[in-house]
Protein backbone atom coordinates (compact mmCIF):
# COMPACT_ATOMS: atom_id res chain seq x y z
CA MET A 1 26.90 10.50 -14.50
CA ASN A 2 28.41 9.46 -18.03
CA LEU A 3 27.30 6.20 -19.44
CA ASN A 4 30.98 5.11 -19.83
CA GLU A 5 31.46 4.90 -15.99
CA LYS A 6 28.77 2.15 -15.27
CA PHE A 7 26.52 1.43 -18.22
CA LEU A 8 29.37 0.81 -20.75
CA PRO A 9 31.15 -1.93 -18.92
CA SER A 10 27.69 -3.58 -18.32
CA PHE A 11 26.86 -3.17 -22.08
CA ILE A 12 30.20 -4.86 -23.01
CA ALA A 13 29.38 -7.77 -20.78
CA ILE A 14 25.93 -8.15 -22.35
CA VAL A 15 27.45 -8.13 -25.84
CA GLU A 16 30.06 -10.73 -24.88
CA THR A 17 27.43 -13.05 -23.43
CA PHE A 18 25.39 -12.81 -26.59
CA ALA A 19 28.52 -13.49 -28.59
CA ASP A 20 29.29 -16.58 -26.60
CA GLN A 21 25.72 -17.83 -27.33
CA GLY A 22 26.21 -17.43 -31.15
CA TYR A 23 24.01 -14.15 -31.56
CA PHE A 24 26.66 -12.64 -33.83
CA THR A 25 27.53 -15.79 -35.69
CA GLU A 26 25.25 -14.88 -38.60
CA SER A 27 26.83 -11.41 -39.04
CA ALA A 28 30.44 -11.99 -37.90
CA PRO A 29 31.51 -15.63 -37.97
CA PHE A 30 34.49 -17.75 -38.02
CA PHE A 31 34.51 -20.55 -40.66
CA CYS A 32 35.45 -24.19 -40.13
CA PRO A 33 37.44 -26.04 -42.78
CA ASP A 34 34.24 -27.18 -44.30
CA GLY A 35 33.15 -23.50 -44.70
CA ARG A 36 30.52 -23.61 -41.94
CA ALA A 37 29.95 -20.58 -39.73
CA PHE A 38 30.54 -20.72 -35.90
CA GLY A 39 31.43 -18.42 -33.02
CA CYS A 40 31.98 -14.63 -33.17
CA ASN A 41 34.88 -13.12 -35.21
CA HIS A 42 35.50 -9.78 -33.56
CA ALA A 43 37.35 -8.44 -36.55
CA LEU A 44 34.29 -9.06 -38.76
CA LEU A 45 32.18 -7.62 -35.90
CA LYS A 46 34.17 -4.48 -36.01
CA ARG A 47 33.61 -4.26 -39.75
CA GLU A 48 29.83 -4.54 -39.32
CA LEU A 49 29.99 -1.72 -36.83
CA VAL A 50 31.99 0.50 -39.12
CA ILE A 51 29.29 -0.22 -41.83
CA GLN A 52 26.67 0.98 -39.34
CA LEU A 53 28.66 3.92 -37.73
CA GLY A 54 31.25 4.85 -40.23
CA LEU A 55 34.00 4.73 -37.63
CA ALA A 56 34.01 2.33 -34.81
CA GLU A 57 36.55 0.35 -32.49
CA TRP A 58 35.87 -3.13 -31.24
CA PRO A 59 36.69 -4.52 -28.84
CA ILE A 60 36.61 -1.43 -26.70
CA THR A 61 39.80 -0.87 -24.69
CA GLU A 62 39.40 2.72 -23.26
CA LEU A 63 36.00 3.35 -21.73
CA SER A 64 36.59 6.98 -20.98
CA ALA A 65 37.14 7.86 -24.66
CA TYR A 66 33.44 7.32 -25.28
CA ASN A 67 30.82 9.97 -24.63
CA ASN A 68 27.06 9.28 -24.13
CA ASP A 69 26.15 9.93 -27.78
CA GLN A 70 28.77 7.44 -29.02
CA ILE A 71 27.64 4.81 -26.50
CA LEU A 72 24.10 5.12 -27.46
CA ASP A 73 24.99 4.88 -31.21
CA LEU A 74 27.00 1.79 -30.47
CA VAL A 75 24.07 0.08 -28.71
CA SER A 76 21.74 0.94 -31.75
CA ALA A 77 24.35 -0.48 -34.11
CA PHE A 78 24.53 -3.73 -32.20
CA TYR A 79 20.72 -3.89 -32.38
CA GLN A 80 21.02 -3.97 -36.20
CA ILE A 81 23.39 -6.83 -36.49
CA ILE A 82 22.26 -9.25 -33.65
CA SER A 83 20.36 -12.40 -34.54
CA CYS A 84 19.25 -15.35 -32.35
CA PRO A 85 20.52 -18.76 -33.50
CA VAL A 86 17.47 -21.18 -33.63
CA PRO A 87 18.12 -23.72 -30.99
CA GLU A 88 16.28 -26.58 -32.64
CA GLU A 89 18.83 -26.34 -35.49
CA LYS A 90 21.95 -26.28 -33.52
CA TRP A 91 24.33 -29.18 -34.13
CA PHE A 92 27.88 -30.22 -33.09
CA HIS A 93 30.41 -30.74 -35.94
CA GLU A 94 32.91 -33.26 -34.66
CA TYR A 95 35.49 -32.52 -37.38
CA CYS A 96 36.02 -28.88 -36.19
CA GLY A 97 34.82 -29.27 -32.69
CA ASN A 98 32.28 -26.45 -32.79
CA TYR A 99 28.53 -25.87 -32.76
CA HIS A 100 26.89 -24.77 -36.10
CA PHE A 101 23.41 -23.32 -36.50
CA ASN A 102 21.44 -23.69 -39.77
CA SER A 103 19.30 -20.76 -39.30
CA PHE A 104 18.93 -17.40 -37.25
CA ASP A 105 16.15 -15.31 -36.13
CA SER A 106 16.89 -11.51 -36.10
CA SER A 107 13.59 -10.49 -34.61
CA ALA A 108 14.05 -12.82 -31.56
CA GLY A 109 17.57 -11.67 -31.26
CA ARG A 110 16.60 -7.97 -31.23
CA TYR A 111 13.83 -8.60 -28.91
CA GLN A 112 16.17 -10.30 -26.40
CA PHE A 113 18.86 -7.65 -26.77
CA THR A 114 16.33 -4.88 -26.21
CA ALA A 115 15.13 -6.46 -23.03
CA GLN A 116 18.64 -6.81 -21.78
CA ILE A 117 19.54 -3.24 -22.60
CA ASN A 118 16.58 -1.72 -21.07
CA GLU A 119 17.01 -3.81 -17.80
CA ALA A 120 20.57 -2.42 -17.69
CA PHE A 121 19.33 1.16 -18.11
CA LYS A 122 16.82 0.67 -15.23
CA ARG A 123 19.12 -1.33 -12.94
CA LEU A 124 21.88 1.24 -13.21
CA GLY A 125 19.72 4.29 -12.80
CA PHE A 126 19.84 5.79 -16.31
CA GLY A 127 16.53 7.25 -17.72
CA TYR A 128 16.78 5.78 -21.15
CA SER A 129 14.66 3.23 -22.95
CA MET A 130 15.31 1.43 -26.31
CA SER A 131 12.50 0.47 -28.67
CA TYR A 132 13.01 -0.87 -32.14
CA GLY A 133 16.61 0.25 -32.07
CA ARG A 134 15.81 3.75 -31.14
CA ILE A 135 16.93 5.09 -27.70
CA ASP A 136 15.08 7.93 -25.95
CA ARG A 137 14.71 9.31 -22.57
CA ARG A 138 12.31 7.11 -20.66
CA ASN A 139 8.65 7.98 -20.68
CA THR A 140 9.01 11.76 -21.16
CA LYS A 141 6.46 12.30 -23.93
CA LEU A 142 3.43 13.07 -21.56
CA VAL A 143 5.48 15.51 -19.48
CA LYS A 144 6.89 17.24 -22.58
CA LEU A 145 3.44 17.64 -23.96
CA LEU A 146 2.37 19.16 -20.68
CA THR A 147 5.37 21.51 -20.23
CA ASP A 148 6.18 22.68 -23.78
CA GLU A 149 4.39 25.96 -23.28
CA GLY A 150 6.70 26.93 -20.46
CA ILE A 151 6.34 28.16 -16.76
CA SER A 152 3.18 30.27 -16.04
CA GLN A 153 4.13 33.95 -15.58
CA ASN A 154 1.50 34.02 -12.85
CA LEU A 155 3.55 31.99 -10.45
CA PRO A 156 5.61 33.64 -7.62
CA GLU A 157 9.30 33.75 -8.40
CA PRO A 158 10.44 31.07 -5.84
CA ILE A 159 7.77 28.52 -7.22
CA ALA A 160 8.76 29.45 -10.91
CA LYS A 161 12.47 28.77 -10.13
CA LEU A 162 11.73 25.55 -8.50
CA LEU A 163 9.52 24.40 -11.50
CA THR A 164 12.26 25.59 -13.97
CA LYS A 165 14.87 23.53 -12.00
CA SER A 166 12.71 20.46 -11.95
CA LEU A 167 12.17 20.52 -15.61
CA GLU A 168 15.94 20.87 -16.27
CA GLU A 169 16.46 17.90 -14.01
CA TYR A 170 13.67 15.87 -15.64
CA TYR A 171 15.25 16.24 -19.06
CA SER A 172 18.79 15.86 -17.93
CA ASN A 173 20.88 12.76 -18.86
CA ALA A 174 22.45 12.66 -15.44
CA GLU A 175 21.91 9.63 -13.24
CA PHE A 176 18.87 9.70 -11.06
CA SER A 177 17.95 13.07 -12.49
CA LYS A 178 14.25 12.20 -12.82
CA TRP A 179 14.09 11.34 -9.11
CA SER A 180 15.70 14.78 -8.32
CA ALA A 181 13.07 16.38 -10.49
CA VAL A 182 10.19 14.88 -8.46
CA LYS A 183 11.79 15.98 -5.27
CA THR A 184 12.16 19.58 -6.54
CA ILE A 185 8.60 19.82 -7.90
CA ALA A 186 7.34 18.47 -4.63
CA ASP A 187 9.14 21.31 -2.89
CA ALA A 188 7.35 23.75 -5.21
CA PHE A 189 4.04 22.13 -4.34
CA GLU A 190 4.73 22.53 -0.68
CA TYR A 191 5.77 26.08 -1.13
CA LEU A 192 2.58 26.90 -3.13
CA LYS A 193 0.36 25.56 -0.23
CA LYS A 194 2.04 28.27 2.11
CA LEU A 195 1.42 31.26 -0.08
CA GLU A 196 -0.36 33.03 2.53
CA GLY A 197 2.62 33.13 4.91
CA THR A 198 0.93 30.84 7.41
CA THR A 199 1.63 27.49 8.85
CA ASP A 200 -1.94 26.62 8.61
CA VAL A 201 -1.80 24.82 5.19
CA ASN A 202 -5.57 24.12 5.07
CA LYS A 203 -6.36 27.74 5.52
CA SER A 204 -3.91 28.71 2.81
CA LEU A 205 -5.28 26.09 0.46
CA GLY A 206 -8.78 27.27 1.09
CA VAL A 207 -7.77 30.81 0.03
CA ILE A 208 -6.02 29.58 -3.17
CA ILE A 209 -9.10 27.40 -4.12
CA ASP A 210 -11.56 30.14 -3.28
CA GLY A 211 -9.57 32.20 -5.98
CA LEU A 212 -10.50 29.74 -8.65
CA ASN A 213 -14.25 30.61 -8.38
CA LEU A 214 -15.34 26.96 -8.55
CA ASP A 215 -18.60 25.43 -7.65
CA LEU A 216 -18.67 24.59 -3.95
CA ARG A 217 -18.75 20.87 -4.73
CA LEU A 218 -15.69 21.13 -7.02
CA HIS A 219 -14.15 23.31 -4.33
CA GLU A 220 -14.34 20.40 -1.94
CA ASN A 221 -13.17 17.89 -4.55
CA LEU A 222 -10.00 20.03 -5.53
CA ASN A 223 -9.15 20.49 -1.90
CA GLY A 224 -9.37 16.72 -1.54
CA LEU A 225 -6.82 16.27 -4.46
CA PHE A 226 -4.48 18.61 -2.73
CA GLN A 227 -4.76 16.68 0.44
CA ILE A 228 -4.21 13.36 -1.25
CA LEU A 229 -1.11 14.52 -2.95
CA THR A 230 0.17 15.96 0.39
CA ASN A 231 -0.43 12.66 2.10
CA PHE A 232 1.35 10.87 -0.75
CA ASP A 233 4.43 13.02 -0.28
CA ASN A 234 4.33 12.51 3.45
CA ASP A 235 4.00 8.73 3.02
CA THR A 236 6.78 8.21 0.53
CA ASN A 237 10.49 9.31 0.57
CA ILE A 238 10.05 12.21 -1.78
CA ARG A 239 10.52 15.15 0.67
CA HIS A 240 11.85 13.24 3.83
CA HIS A 241 13.34 9.86 4.50
CA HIS A 242 12.00 7.66 7.32
CA PRO A 243 12.35 3.79 7.71
CA ASP A 244 8.51 3.43 7.46
CA GLN A 245 8.17 5.45 4.37
CA VAL A 246 7.59 3.88 0.85
CA GLU A 247 10.58 4.16 -1.48
CA ILE A 248 9.62 5.01 -5.04
CA ASP A 249 12.79 6.42 -6.59
CA GLY A 250 13.62 3.33 -8.72
CA ASN A 251 10.23 3.17 -10.48
CA TYR A 252 10.56 5.29 -13.63
CA GLU A 253 6.95 4.84 -14.94
CA PHE A 254 5.53 5.87 -11.43
CA LEU A 255 7.87 8.76 -11.22
CA ASP A 256 6.38 10.14 -14.45
CA PHE A 257 2.84 9.82 -12.95
CA VAL A 258 4.01 11.51 -9.79
CA TYR A 259 5.63 14.38 -11.57
CA VAL A 260 2.71 15.00 -13.76
CA MET A 261 0.19 15.00 -10.77
CA HIS A 262 2.34 17.63 -9.05
CA TYR A 263 2.79 19.74 -12.16
CA VAL A 264 -0.94 19.82 -13.26
CA LEU A 265 -2.14 20.69 -9.80
CA ILE A 266 0.59 23.61 -9.47
CA LYS A 267 -0.42 24.77 -13.01
CA TYR A 268 -3.99 24.97 -12.29
CA ALA A 269 -3.45 26.62 -8.96
CA SER A 270 -1.40 29.44 -10.74
CA THR A 271 -4.67 30.57 -12.24
CA SER A 272 -6.02 31.39 -8.72
CA LYS A 273 -6.50 35.05 -7.89
CA ALA A 274 -4.70 34.33 -4.55
CA VAL A 275 -1.71 33.09 -6.43
CA ASN A 276 -1.66 35.94 -8.82
CA SER A 277 -1.84 38.50 -6.16
CA ALA A 278 1.23 36.88 -4.40
CA SER A 279 3.49 36.84 -7.66
């Protein structure tokens, strides 16, 4: 889903709320007859955005005219010009009927703005995160480190296709794409455990782990890891959905962990002689 359909209206509301509270008074003010700054002058605010972006419209009237990159650039531009009015130095000017602030704190303003933006990304299901004005896909560095070398050539074609699909979903900008990626890689994990063409998963796993030539004690531990992850998939709403299952699709940090656990086990199992013979 494009950011202009859900995130952009939310973002505009966030900016307007900050504007009402004086967070753009330092960069884009009106001036009272005494020359003191107050409020938010949207004409000056647009000028500040043009300085940041080269070309900008504000206020925004046509949401559909903005693509994802333009929206993210706009968010970063507002990060640069926001500043928090210091509450202790707020005073009411009876002559002009407005509040004035003697000083502003850009660091505090940017911190509060970042918190609001990241909460909107999370609430609306977009896998982005902003830090120091830079916006990236949320928590993808570890997965990228693990997957940069590509899909193992030792994997059977059905599993390789599922892994490829899951990586494409993981790095997609589409709404809830990371959740789709976890479901897809869980399907690959389930497929892997049945390589021997039998419904006896324990027997199939035993054959795969035997093909890794591990010490017997490690054989038992690795089998235990496979079983733990299998139980996890069954106890959550990853592959099936029942009222008594735990829902994890809204927790991005946890989805990263779940994805990596599936990926590393599949990757290591792909070195098994049993997996190689099936590919």
